[in-house]
């Protein structure tokens, strides 16, 4: 039996001048969690938000916060994001070792926080196979990380299919997700869909979220 389909609106596409209002809008429309992209200007060519914003997001919603660390040194900042109220932490395989992943996974599990590993479109699936037994979920990037609004990269569908054959837990996909690409990644085996502009830019938020299921 495949894991339940979940929709995670990506806050990077929200209106930060009325962030609480946008969060309530997607929460009311049926979002399962919130995807929070953290960028440091080093691992990716952009800078977004830090623990302070996550702390205030935590105050306005009860939805689980999936904090995606697109940063060079996740181990250094992970406690700050935990203190801010993160429910799920994702680090990139491109910047962490197997030893670090094992330690982070054990630490987060002890605190009741889920830990996931992410990989970029150009990173082969073989890179994460040694750590699958330590993580709660895998996040497959379907665009090159760094900016919202990019076009979905179709070649990642092969990666999703291959992963689903060997991994029974949650598989998330982030980047260029809409009704059309959402159907493709679901059919490939993904069950958590992170979508930004497609949801926050929709006239009918509930309809957009429902279409991803």
N, C-alpha and C. Protein backbone atom coordinates (compact mmCIF):
# COMPACT_ATOMS: atom_id res chain seq x y z
N UNK A 1 0.84 -1.20 0.00
CA UNK A 1 0.00 0.00 0.00
C UNK A 1 0.87 1.24 0.00
N UNK A 2 0.62 2.18 -0.93
CA UNK A 2 1.42 3.39 -1.04
C UNK A 2 1.06 4.38 0.06
N UNK A 3 2.04 5.19 0.51
CA UNK A 3 1.75 6.21 1.53
C UNK A 3 0.72 7.21 1.03
N UNK A 4 0.00 7.82 1.93
CA UNK A 4 -1.05 8.79 1.58
C UNK A 4 -0.46 10.02 0.88
N UNK A 5 -1.18 10.54 -0.10
CA UNK A 5 -0.76 11.74 -0.80
C UNK A 5 -0.92 12.95 0.12
N UNK A 6 0.14 13.75 0.24
CA UNK A 6 0.12 14.95 1.08
C UNK A 6 0.58 16.15 0.26
N UNK A 7 -0.01 17.29 0.54
CA UNK A 7 0.33 18.52 -0.18
C UNK A 7 0.98 19.51 0.77
N UNK A 8 2.14 20.04 0.34
CA UNK A 8 2.93 20.95 1.17
C UNK A 8 3.14 22.27 0.43
N UNK A 9 2.29 23.27 0.66
CA UNK A 9 2.52 24.58 0.04
C UNK A 9 3.88 25.15 0.45
N UNK A 10 4.62 25.65 -0.54
CA UNK A 10 5.96 26.17 -0.28
C UNK A 10 5.89 27.67 0.03
N UNK A 11 6.29 28.04 1.23
CA UNK A 11 6.15 29.41 1.71
C UNK A 11 6.95 30.43 0.90
N UNK A 12 7.93 29.97 0.15
CA UNK A 12 8.74 30.88 -0.64
C UNK A 12 7.89 31.67 -1.63
N UNK A 13 6.73 31.11 -2.01
CA UNK A 13 5.85 31.77 -2.97
C UNK A 13 4.72 32.55 -2.30
N UNK A 14 4.70 32.57 -0.98
CA UNK A 14 3.65 33.31 -0.27
C UNK A 14 3.94 34.81 -0.31
N UNK A 15 2.94 35.60 0.03
CA UNK A 15 3.09 37.05 0.13
C UNK A 15 3.59 37.36 1.54
N UNK A 16 4.86 37.71 1.67
CA UNK A 16 5.44 37.92 2.99
C UNK A 16 4.96 39.19 3.67
N UNK A 17 4.26 40.05 2.93
CA UNK A 17 3.68 41.24 3.56
C UNK A 17 2.40 40.88 4.31
N UNK A 18 1.86 39.70 4.00
CA UNK A 18 0.68 39.21 4.73
C UNK A 18 0.81 37.70 4.91
N UNK A 19 1.94 37.31 5.47
CA UNK A 19 2.29 35.89 5.56
C UNK A 19 1.28 35.08 6.38
N UNK A 20 0.89 35.62 7.52
CA UNK A 20 -0.06 34.90 8.38
C UNK A 20 -1.37 34.64 7.64
N UNK A 21 -1.81 35.62 6.87
CA UNK A 21 -3.05 35.49 6.11
C UNK A 21 -2.93 34.40 5.05
N UNK A 22 -1.78 34.38 4.35
CA UNK A 22 -1.56 33.36 3.33
C UNK A 22 -1.48 31.96 3.93
N UNK A 23 -0.85 31.86 5.09
CA UNK A 23 -0.75 30.56 5.77
C UNK A 23 -2.12 30.06 6.17
N UNK A 24 -2.93 30.93 6.72
CA UNK A 24 -4.29 30.54 7.11
C UNK A 24 -5.11 30.13 5.89
N UNK A 25 -4.85 30.79 4.77
CA UNK A 25 -5.58 30.48 3.54
C UNK A 25 -5.31 29.05 3.08
N UNK A 26 -4.03 28.65 3.06
CA UNK A 26 -3.72 27.30 2.59
C UNK A 26 -4.09 26.25 3.65
N UNK A 27 -4.01 26.65 4.91
CA UNK A 27 -4.41 25.73 5.98
C UNK A 27 -5.90 25.41 5.86
N UNK A 28 -6.71 26.44 5.66
CA UNK A 28 -8.16 26.27 5.51
C UNK A 28 -8.49 25.48 4.25
N UNK A 29 -7.65 25.60 3.22
CA UNK A 29 -7.89 24.93 1.95
C UNK A 29 -7.49 23.46 1.95
N UNK A 30 -6.89 23.01 3.05
CA UNK A 30 -6.61 21.58 3.18
C UNK A 30 -5.16 21.16 3.07
N UNK A 31 -4.22 22.09 3.20
CA UNK A 31 -2.80 21.72 3.16
C UNK A 31 -2.48 20.75 4.29
N UNK A 32 -1.57 19.83 4.02
CA UNK A 32 -1.17 18.84 5.03
C UNK A 32 0.01 19.30 5.87
N UNK A 33 0.84 20.17 5.30
CA UNK A 33 2.03 20.69 5.97
C UNK A 33 2.49 21.92 5.22
N UNK A 34 3.48 22.60 5.76
CA UNK A 34 4.07 23.74 5.08
C UNK A 34 5.53 23.43 4.76
N UNK A 35 5.93 23.72 3.54
CA UNK A 35 7.31 23.51 3.11
C UNK A 35 8.04 24.84 3.23
N UNK A 36 9.12 24.86 4.00
CA UNK A 36 9.84 26.10 4.27
C UNK A 36 11.26 26.00 3.72
N UNK A 37 11.55 26.76 2.67
CA UNK A 37 12.86 26.71 2.03
C UNK A 37 13.84 27.68 2.69
N UNK A 38 14.93 27.12 3.19
CA UNK A 38 15.98 27.91 3.83
C UNK A 38 17.19 27.93 2.90
N UNK A 39 17.57 29.13 2.43
CA UNK A 39 18.70 29.25 1.50
C UNK A 39 19.74 30.21 2.07
N UNK A 40 21.02 29.87 1.86
CA UNK A 40 22.10 30.61 2.52
C UNK A 40 22.97 31.45 1.59
N UNK A 41 22.70 31.42 0.29
CA UNK A 41 23.54 32.18 -0.64
C UNK A 41 24.87 31.52 -0.95
N UNK A 42 25.09 30.32 -0.42
CA UNK A 42 26.33 29.58 -0.67
C UNK A 42 26.03 28.26 -1.38
N UNK A 43 25.23 27.41 -0.74
CA UNK A 43 24.84 26.16 -1.38
C UNK A 43 23.96 26.44 -2.59
N UNK A 44 23.14 27.47 -2.49
CA UNK A 44 22.31 27.93 -3.61
C UNK A 44 22.51 29.44 -3.77
N UNK A 45 22.29 29.97 -4.98
CA UNK A 45 22.56 31.39 -5.22
C UNK A 45 21.42 32.31 -4.80
N UNK A 46 20.93 32.13 -3.60
CA UNK A 46 19.84 32.96 -3.12
C UNK A 46 19.84 32.91 -1.59
N UNK A 47 19.26 33.91 -0.97
CA UNK A 47 19.12 33.95 0.49
C UNK A 47 17.64 34.15 0.80
N UNK A 48 17.11 33.32 1.68
CA UNK A 48 15.69 33.47 2.00
C UNK A 48 15.49 33.83 3.47
N UNK A 49 15.12 32.86 4.29
CA UNK A 49 14.75 33.17 5.67
C UNK A 49 15.57 32.34 6.66
N UNK A 50 15.46 32.71 7.93
CA UNK A 50 16.17 32.00 8.97
C UNK A 50 15.24 31.55 10.08
N UNK A 51 15.79 31.12 11.20
CA UNK A 51 14.99 30.59 12.31
C UNK A 51 13.95 31.57 12.86
N UNK A 52 14.24 32.87 12.80
CA UNK A 52 13.30 33.86 13.36
C UNK A 52 11.95 33.81 12.65
N UNK A 53 11.98 33.73 11.32
CA UNK A 53 10.72 33.67 10.57
C UNK A 53 10.00 32.35 10.84
N UNK A 54 10.76 31.27 10.92
CA UNK A 54 10.16 29.96 11.23
C UNK A 54 9.46 30.02 12.59
N UNK A 55 10.08 30.71 13.53
CA UNK A 55 9.49 30.86 14.87
C UNK A 55 8.12 31.54 14.81
N UNK A 56 8.02 32.58 13.99
CA UNK A 56 6.75 33.30 13.87
C UNK A 56 5.73 32.54 13.03
N UNK A 57 6.20 31.77 12.05
CA UNK A 57 5.30 30.90 11.30
C UNK A 57 4.68 29.87 12.24
N UNK A 58 5.51 29.35 13.14
CA UNK A 58 5.04 28.36 14.11
C UNK A 58 3.90 28.91 14.97
N UNK A 59 3.93 30.20 15.24
CA UNK A 59 2.92 30.82 16.10
C UNK A 59 1.55 30.93 15.43
N UNK A 60 1.53 30.93 14.09
CA UNK A 60 0.26 31.18 13.40
C UNK A 60 -0.36 29.94 12.77
N UNK A 61 0.29 28.78 12.93
CA UNK A 61 -0.29 27.56 12.35
C UNK A 61 0.04 26.34 13.17
N UNK A 62 -0.86 25.36 13.09
CA UNK A 62 -0.61 24.07 13.73
C UNK A 62 -0.14 23.03 12.72
N UNK A 63 -0.06 23.42 11.45
CA UNK A 63 0.41 22.51 10.42
C UNK A 63 1.87 22.13 10.68
N UNK A 64 2.26 20.90 10.37
CA UNK A 64 3.66 20.51 10.49
C UNK A 64 4.54 21.39 9.59
N UNK A 65 5.69 21.78 10.10
CA UNK A 65 6.63 22.61 9.34
C UNK A 65 7.76 21.74 8.82
N UNK A 66 7.81 21.59 7.51
CA UNK A 66 8.85 20.83 6.84
C UNK A 66 9.94 21.82 6.41
N UNK A 67 11.02 21.88 7.17
CA UNK A 67 12.06 22.88 6.95
C UNK A 67 13.19 22.29 6.11
N UNK A 68 13.31 22.81 4.91
CA UNK A 68 14.23 22.30 3.89
C UNK A 68 15.50 23.15 3.91
N UNK A 69 16.56 22.58 4.45
CA UNK A 69 17.82 23.31 4.62
C UNK A 69 18.68 23.21 3.37
N UNK A 70 18.58 24.22 2.52
CA UNK A 70 19.43 24.32 1.35
C UNK A 70 20.63 25.19 1.72
N UNK A 71 21.42 24.66 2.66
CA UNK A 71 22.55 25.40 3.20
C UNK A 71 23.79 24.50 3.28
N UNK A 72 24.95 25.13 3.32
CA UNK A 72 26.20 24.38 3.28
C UNK A 72 26.50 23.60 4.55
N UNK A 73 26.07 24.11 5.69
CA UNK A 73 26.41 23.47 6.96
C UNK A 73 25.16 23.27 7.82
N UNK A 74 24.30 22.33 7.44
CA UNK A 74 23.05 22.14 8.19
C UNK A 74 23.27 21.76 9.65
N UNK A 75 24.32 21.01 9.92
CA UNK A 75 24.59 20.57 11.29
C UNK A 75 24.77 21.75 12.24
N UNK A 76 25.35 22.83 11.73
CA UNK A 76 25.63 24.02 12.54
C UNK A 76 24.35 24.74 12.96
N UNK A 77 23.33 24.69 12.11
CA UNK A 77 22.12 25.50 12.34
C UNK A 77 20.89 24.69 12.72
N UNK A 78 21.02 23.39 12.74
CA UNK A 78 19.85 22.54 12.93
C UNK A 78 19.15 22.78 14.26
N UNK A 79 19.90 23.02 15.33
CA UNK A 79 19.28 23.26 16.63
C UNK A 79 18.49 24.55 16.67
N UNK A 80 18.95 25.56 15.93
CA UNK A 80 18.22 26.82 15.88
C UNK A 80 16.86 26.64 15.22
N UNK A 81 16.82 25.83 14.18
CA UNK A 81 15.54 25.58 13.51
C UNK A 81 14.64 24.66 14.31
N UNK A 82 15.24 23.78 15.10
CA UNK A 82 14.44 22.95 16.00
C UNK A 82 13.80 23.81 17.08
N UNK A 83 14.57 24.71 17.65
CA UNK A 83 14.05 25.61 18.68
C UNK A 83 12.95 26.51 18.15
N UNK A 84 13.02 26.80 16.85
CA UNK A 84 12.01 27.67 16.23
C UNK A 84 10.69 26.95 16.01
N UNK A 85 10.70 25.61 16.09
CA UNK A 85 9.45 24.86 15.97
C UNK A 85 9.32 23.94 14.78
N UNK A 86 10.42 23.55 14.17
CA UNK A 86 10.37 22.66 13.01
C UNK A 86 9.89 21.26 13.42
N UNK A 87 9.07 20.66 12.58
CA UNK A 87 8.59 19.29 12.81
C UNK A 87 9.33 18.29 11.94
N UNK A 88 9.87 18.79 10.83
CA UNK A 88 10.61 17.95 9.88
C UNK A 88 11.82 18.76 9.41
N UNK A 89 12.96 18.09 9.33
CA UNK A 89 14.18 18.74 8.86
C UNK A 89 14.73 17.97 7.67
N UNK A 90 15.05 18.69 6.61
CA UNK A 90 15.64 18.06 5.43
C UNK A 90 17.01 18.67 5.15
N UNK A 91 18.01 17.81 4.99
CA UNK A 91 19.35 18.25 4.63
C UNK A 91 19.72 17.64 3.28
N UNK A 92 20.67 18.26 2.60
CA UNK A 92 21.07 17.79 1.27
C UNK A 92 22.25 16.83 1.32
N UNK A 93 22.14 15.74 0.57
CA UNK A 93 23.21 14.74 0.51
C UNK A 93 24.50 15.34 -0.07
N UNK A 94 24.37 16.41 -0.83
CA UNK A 94 25.54 17.03 -1.44
C UNK A 94 26.47 17.69 -0.42
N UNK A 95 25.96 17.96 0.80
CA UNK A 95 26.78 18.69 1.78
C UNK A 95 26.97 17.96 3.10
N UNK A 96 26.43 16.76 3.23
CA UNK A 96 26.59 16.02 4.49
C UNK A 96 27.12 14.61 4.23
N UNK A 97 27.89 14.10 5.17
CA UNK A 97 28.46 12.76 5.05
C UNK A 97 27.51 11.73 5.63
N UNK A 98 27.77 10.47 5.35
CA UNK A 98 26.96 9.39 5.90
C UNK A 98 27.03 9.41 7.43
N UNK A 99 28.20 9.66 7.96
CA UNK A 99 28.37 9.72 9.41
C UNK A 99 27.53 10.84 10.01
N UNK A 100 27.52 12.01 9.37
CA UNK A 100 26.73 13.14 9.87
C UNK A 100 25.24 12.85 9.77
N UNK A 101 24.83 12.21 8.70
CA UNK A 101 23.41 11.86 8.53
C UNK A 101 22.96 10.91 9.62
N UNK A 102 23.76 9.92 9.90
CA UNK A 102 23.43 8.94 10.94
C UNK A 102 23.27 9.62 12.29
N UNK A 103 24.18 10.56 12.60
CA UNK A 103 24.13 11.26 13.89
C UNK A 103 22.92 12.19 13.96
N UNK A 104 22.67 12.93 12.88
CA UNK A 104 21.53 13.84 12.87
C UNK A 104 20.22 13.08 12.97
N UNK A 105 20.12 11.97 12.27
CA UNK A 105 18.90 11.17 12.29
C UNK A 105 18.60 10.66 13.69
N UNK A 106 19.63 10.18 14.38
CA UNK A 106 19.44 9.67 15.74
C UNK A 106 19.03 10.78 16.70
N UNK A 107 19.66 11.94 16.55
CA UNK A 107 19.37 13.08 17.43
C UNK A 107 17.94 13.58 17.22
N UNK A 108 17.53 13.70 15.96
CA UNK A 108 16.20 14.20 15.67
C UNK A 108 15.12 13.20 16.08
N UNK A 109 15.38 11.94 15.88
CA UNK A 109 14.42 10.91 16.28
C UNK A 109 14.18 10.95 17.78
N UNK A 110 15.23 11.18 18.53
CA UNK A 110 15.12 11.27 19.99
C UNK A 110 14.26 12.46 20.42
N UNK A 111 14.18 13.46 19.55
CA UNK A 111 13.39 14.66 19.86
C UNK A 111 12.01 14.65 19.20
N UNK A 112 11.70 13.53 18.54
CA UNK A 112 10.40 13.40 17.90
C UNK A 112 10.26 14.19 16.62
N UNK A 113 11.38 14.49 15.97
CA UNK A 113 11.39 15.26 14.72
C UNK A 113 11.79 14.34 13.57
N UNK A 114 11.07 14.44 12.46
CA UNK A 114 11.39 13.61 11.30
C UNK A 114 12.57 14.19 10.53
N UNK A 115 13.39 13.30 9.98
CA UNK A 115 14.58 13.73 9.25
C UNK A 115 14.54 13.18 7.83
N UNK A 116 14.79 14.06 6.86
CA UNK A 116 14.80 13.63 5.47
C UNK A 116 16.08 14.03 4.78
N UNK A 117 16.39 13.32 3.70
CA UNK A 117 17.56 13.65 2.90
C UNK A 117 17.08 14.09 1.52
N UNK A 118 17.68 15.16 1.01
CA UNK A 118 17.32 15.69 -0.30
C UNK A 118 18.46 15.50 -1.29
N UNK A 119 18.09 15.43 -2.58
CA UNK A 119 19.12 15.37 -3.61
C UNK A 119 18.71 16.19 -4.81
N UNK A 120 19.69 16.86 -5.40
CA UNK A 120 19.46 17.71 -6.55
C UNK A 120 19.21 16.89 -7.81
N UNK A 121 18.65 17.50 -8.86
CA UNK A 121 18.35 16.76 -10.08
C UNK A 121 19.56 16.04 -10.69
N UNK A 122 20.73 16.64 -10.58
CA UNK A 122 21.92 16.04 -11.19
C UNK A 122 22.61 15.01 -10.30
N UNK A 123 22.16 14.88 -9.05
CA UNK A 123 22.77 13.94 -8.12
C UNK A 123 22.16 12.55 -8.31
N UNK A 124 23.00 11.54 -8.56
CA UNK A 124 22.46 10.19 -8.79
C UNK A 124 21.85 9.59 -7.53
N UNK A 125 20.88 8.74 -7.73
CA UNK A 125 20.19 8.08 -6.62
C UNK A 125 21.17 7.26 -5.77
N UNK A 126 22.22 6.77 -6.38
CA UNK A 126 23.20 5.95 -5.66
C UNK A 126 23.81 6.68 -4.46
N UNK A 127 23.83 8.02 -4.50
CA UNK A 127 24.41 8.80 -3.41
C UNK A 127 23.64 8.63 -2.10
N UNK A 128 22.32 8.44 -2.19
CA UNK A 128 21.52 8.36 -0.96
C UNK A 128 21.21 6.94 -0.52
N UNK A 129 21.48 5.96 -1.36
CA UNK A 129 21.13 4.58 -1.01
C UNK A 129 21.74 4.12 0.32
N UNK A 130 22.99 4.51 0.65
CA UNK A 130 23.57 4.06 1.92
C UNK A 130 22.89 4.66 3.16
N UNK A 131 22.08 5.72 3.00
CA UNK A 131 21.49 6.37 4.17
C UNK A 131 19.98 6.18 4.27
N UNK A 132 19.39 5.46 3.35
CA UNK A 132 17.94 5.31 3.35
C UNK A 132 17.41 4.69 4.64
N UNK A 133 18.19 3.82 5.24
CA UNK A 133 17.72 3.17 6.47
C UNK A 133 17.70 4.11 7.67
N UNK A 134 18.35 5.28 7.55
CA UNK A 134 18.40 6.22 8.66
C UNK A 134 17.35 7.31 8.59
N UNK A 135 16.78 7.54 7.40
CA UNK A 135 15.90 8.70 7.22
C UNK A 135 14.42 8.32 7.22
N UNK A 136 13.58 9.32 7.49
CA UNK A 136 12.14 9.13 7.51
C UNK A 136 11.51 9.39 6.15
N UNK A 137 12.17 10.21 5.35
CA UNK A 137 11.65 10.52 4.01
C UNK A 137 12.79 11.00 3.12
N UNK A 138 12.51 11.03 1.83
CA UNK A 138 13.47 11.52 0.83
C UNK A 138 12.80 12.63 0.05
N UNK A 139 13.55 13.71 -0.19
CA UNK A 139 13.06 14.81 -1.01
C UNK A 139 13.85 14.86 -2.31
N UNK A 140 13.15 14.65 -3.41
CA UNK A 140 13.77 14.72 -4.73
C UNK A 140 13.49 16.08 -5.35
N UNK A 141 14.55 16.81 -5.65
CA UNK A 141 14.39 18.11 -6.28
C UNK A 141 14.09 17.92 -7.77
N UNK A 142 13.03 18.56 -8.23
CA UNK A 142 12.66 18.46 -9.64
C UNK A 142 12.96 19.75 -10.40
N UNK A 143 13.69 20.65 -9.73
CA UNK A 143 14.30 21.82 -10.36
C UNK A 143 15.65 22.00 -9.67
N UNK A 144 16.52 22.80 -10.26
CA UNK A 144 17.78 23.12 -9.60
C UNK A 144 17.49 24.11 -8.48
N UNK A 145 17.86 23.79 -7.24
CA UNK A 145 17.45 24.61 -6.11
C UNK A 145 18.02 26.03 -6.15
N UNK A 146 17.24 26.96 -5.61
CA UNK A 146 17.72 28.33 -5.51
C UNK A 146 16.66 29.37 -5.76
N UNK A 147 15.70 29.07 -6.63
CA UNK A 147 14.67 30.06 -6.97
C UNK A 147 13.34 29.36 -7.21
N UNK A 148 12.26 30.07 -6.89
CA UNK A 148 10.93 29.52 -7.13
C UNK A 148 10.51 29.81 -8.57
N UNK A 149 9.46 29.11 -9.03
CA UNK A 149 8.91 29.37 -10.34
C UNK A 149 9.64 28.72 -11.50
N UNK A 150 10.52 27.76 -11.23
CA UNK A 150 11.26 27.10 -12.30
C UNK A 150 10.43 25.99 -12.96
N UNK A 151 10.89 25.57 -14.14
CA UNK A 151 10.20 24.53 -14.90
C UNK A 151 10.64 23.14 -14.45
N UNK A 152 9.68 22.27 -14.27
CA UNK A 152 9.89 20.88 -13.85
C UNK A 152 10.85 20.15 -14.80
N UNK A 153 11.78 19.38 -14.23
CA UNK A 153 12.75 18.60 -15.01
C UNK A 153 12.23 17.16 -15.13
N UNK A 154 11.75 16.74 -16.31
CA UNK A 154 11.10 15.43 -16.48
C UNK A 154 11.97 14.23 -16.13
N UNK A 155 13.29 14.35 -16.28
CA UNK A 155 14.17 13.21 -16.05
C UNK A 155 14.13 12.71 -14.61
N UNK A 156 13.64 13.53 -13.68
CA UNK A 156 13.60 13.09 -12.28
C UNK A 156 12.54 12.00 -12.06
N UNK A 157 11.62 11.86 -13.00
CA UNK A 157 10.58 10.83 -12.85
C UNK A 157 11.20 9.43 -12.79
N UNK A 158 12.27 9.23 -13.54
CA UNK A 158 12.96 7.94 -13.51
C UNK A 158 13.54 7.70 -12.11
N UNK A 159 14.09 8.75 -11.54
CA UNK A 159 14.68 8.66 -10.20
C UNK A 159 13.62 8.33 -9.15
N UNK A 160 12.43 8.93 -9.29
CA UNK A 160 11.34 8.66 -8.35
C UNK A 160 10.91 7.20 -8.45
N UNK A 161 10.75 6.71 -9.66
CA UNK A 161 10.33 5.31 -9.86
C UNK A 161 11.34 4.34 -9.26
N UNK A 162 12.61 4.61 -9.51
CA UNK A 162 13.67 3.74 -8.98
C UNK A 162 13.70 3.76 -7.46
N UNK A 163 13.51 4.94 -6.89
CA UNK A 163 13.52 5.06 -5.43
C UNK A 163 12.33 4.32 -4.82
N UNK A 164 11.14 4.47 -5.42
CA UNK A 164 9.95 3.83 -4.85
C UNK A 164 10.08 2.31 -4.81
N UNK A 165 10.86 1.74 -5.71
CA UNK A 165 11.06 0.30 -5.72
C UNK A 165 11.80 -0.19 -4.48
N UNK A 166 12.62 0.68 -3.89
CA UNK A 166 13.47 0.26 -2.77
C UNK A 166 13.17 1.01 -1.47
N UNK A 167 12.25 1.97 -1.51
CA UNK A 167 11.98 2.82 -0.33
C UNK A 167 10.48 2.91 -0.12
N UNK A 168 10.00 2.43 1.03
CA UNK A 168 8.57 2.35 1.28
C UNK A 168 8.02 3.54 2.06
N UNK A 169 8.90 4.41 2.52
CA UNK A 169 8.45 5.57 3.31
C UNK A 169 8.09 6.72 2.37
N UNK A 170 7.94 7.92 2.95
CA UNK A 170 7.52 9.08 2.18
C UNK A 170 8.57 9.53 1.17
N UNK A 171 8.11 9.84 -0.05
CA UNK A 171 8.95 10.43 -1.08
C UNK A 171 8.32 11.78 -1.44
N UNK A 172 9.08 12.84 -1.22
CA UNK A 172 8.61 14.19 -1.53
C UNK A 172 9.27 14.69 -2.81
N UNK A 173 8.57 15.56 -3.52
CA UNK A 173 9.11 16.18 -4.73
C UNK A 173 8.88 17.68 -4.63
N UNK A 174 9.91 18.44 -5.01
CA UNK A 174 9.86 19.90 -4.88
C UNK A 174 10.39 20.55 -6.14
N UNK A 175 9.53 21.37 -6.79
CA UNK A 175 9.98 22.14 -7.94
C UNK A 175 9.12 21.98 -9.17
N UNK A 176 8.48 23.05 -9.60
CA UNK A 176 7.69 23.01 -10.82
C UNK A 176 6.45 22.15 -10.75
N UNK A 177 5.90 22.01 -9.54
CA UNK A 177 4.74 21.13 -9.37
C UNK A 177 3.44 21.88 -9.63
N UNK A 178 2.62 21.30 -10.51
CA UNK A 178 1.28 21.80 -10.79
C UNK A 178 0.38 20.58 -11.03
N UNK A 179 -0.82 20.79 -11.54
CA UNK A 179 -1.74 19.66 -11.72
C UNK A 179 -1.16 18.61 -12.66
N UNK A 180 -0.52 19.04 -13.74
CA UNK A 180 0.03 18.12 -14.74
C UNK A 180 1.25 17.37 -14.21
N UNK A 181 2.23 18.12 -13.70
CA UNK A 181 3.44 17.47 -13.18
C UNK A 181 3.15 16.72 -11.89
N UNK A 182 2.17 17.21 -11.14
CA UNK A 182 1.78 16.52 -9.92
C UNK A 182 1.30 15.11 -10.20
N UNK A 183 0.49 14.97 -11.25
CA UNK A 183 -0.01 13.65 -11.63
C UNK A 183 1.15 12.74 -12.03
N UNK A 184 2.12 13.29 -12.74
CA UNK A 184 3.27 12.50 -13.19
C UNK A 184 4.11 12.00 -12.01
N UNK A 185 4.35 12.86 -11.02
CA UNK A 185 5.18 12.43 -9.89
C UNK A 185 4.42 11.46 -8.99
N UNK A 186 3.10 11.62 -8.89
CA UNK A 186 2.29 10.66 -8.12
C UNK A 186 2.34 9.29 -8.79
N UNK A 187 2.18 9.28 -10.09
CA UNK A 187 2.22 8.01 -10.82
C UNK A 187 3.58 7.34 -10.73
N UNK A 188 4.62 8.15 -10.57
CA UNK A 188 5.98 7.61 -10.45
C UNK A 188 6.25 7.05 -9.06
N UNK A 189 5.43 7.47 -8.06
CA UNK A 189 5.60 6.93 -6.72
C UNK A 189 5.78 7.94 -5.61
N UNK A 190 5.80 9.23 -5.95
CA UNK A 190 5.93 10.25 -4.90
C UNK A 190 4.60 10.44 -4.18
N UNK A 191 4.66 10.83 -2.91
CA UNK A 191 3.41 11.04 -2.18
C UNK A 191 3.35 12.34 -1.39
N UNK A 192 4.45 13.11 -1.36
CA UNK A 192 4.42 14.46 -0.78
C UNK A 192 4.78 15.44 -1.89
N UNK A 193 3.86 16.35 -2.20
CA UNK A 193 4.07 17.29 -3.28
C UNK A 193 4.22 18.70 -2.71
N UNK A 194 5.41 19.26 -2.86
CA UNK A 194 5.65 20.65 -2.44
C UNK A 194 5.42 21.55 -3.64
N UNK A 195 4.55 22.52 -3.49
CA UNK A 195 4.22 23.42 -4.59
C UNK A 195 4.10 24.84 -4.07
N UNK A 196 4.67 25.78 -4.80
CA UNK A 196 4.66 27.17 -4.36
C UNK A 196 3.71 28.04 -5.14
N UNK A 197 4.16 28.54 -6.28
CA UNK A 197 3.36 29.49 -7.07
C UNK A 197 2.04 28.88 -7.54
N UNK A 198 2.02 27.57 -7.79
CA UNK A 198 0.78 26.93 -8.25
C UNK A 198 -0.32 27.05 -7.19
N UNK A 199 0.06 26.97 -5.92
CA UNK A 199 -0.92 27.07 -4.84
C UNK A 199 -1.17 28.51 -4.43
N UNK A 200 -0.09 29.24 -4.11
CA UNK A 200 -0.27 30.60 -3.59
C UNK A 200 -0.74 31.57 -4.67
N UNK A 201 -0.51 31.24 -5.93
CA UNK A 201 -0.96 32.10 -7.02
C UNK A 201 -2.33 31.74 -7.56
N UNK A 202 -2.93 30.70 -7.01
CA UNK A 202 -4.22 30.21 -7.51
C UNK A 202 -5.38 31.10 -7.05
N UNK A 203 -6.37 31.27 -7.91
CA UNK A 203 -7.57 32.01 -7.53
C UNK A 203 -8.41 31.18 -6.56
N UNK A 204 -8.39 29.86 -6.79
CA UNK A 204 -9.13 28.94 -5.91
C UNK A 204 -8.10 28.02 -5.25
N UNK A 205 -7.70 28.36 -4.04
CA UNK A 205 -6.63 27.63 -3.35
C UNK A 205 -7.00 26.19 -3.09
N UNK A 206 -8.23 25.96 -2.64
CA UNK A 206 -8.66 24.59 -2.34
C UNK A 206 -8.64 23.72 -3.60
N UNK A 207 -9.10 24.28 -4.70
CA UNK A 207 -9.11 23.54 -5.97
C UNK A 207 -7.69 23.17 -6.39
N UNK A 208 -6.76 24.10 -6.20
CA UNK A 208 -5.35 23.83 -6.55
C UNK A 208 -4.77 22.71 -5.70
N UNK A 209 -5.03 22.77 -4.41
CA UNK A 209 -4.52 21.74 -3.50
C UNK A 209 -5.15 20.38 -3.81
N UNK A 210 -6.47 20.37 -4.02
CA UNK A 210 -7.16 19.12 -4.32
C UNK A 210 -6.65 18.49 -5.63
N UNK A 211 -6.29 19.34 -6.60
CA UNK A 211 -5.83 18.83 -7.90
C UNK A 211 -4.49 18.10 -7.77
N UNK A 212 -3.72 18.41 -6.73
CA UNK A 212 -2.43 17.75 -6.53
C UNK A 212 -2.59 16.37 -5.91
N UNK A 213 -3.75 16.09 -5.37
CA UNK A 213 -4.01 14.78 -4.77
C UNK A 213 -4.52 13.79 -5.80
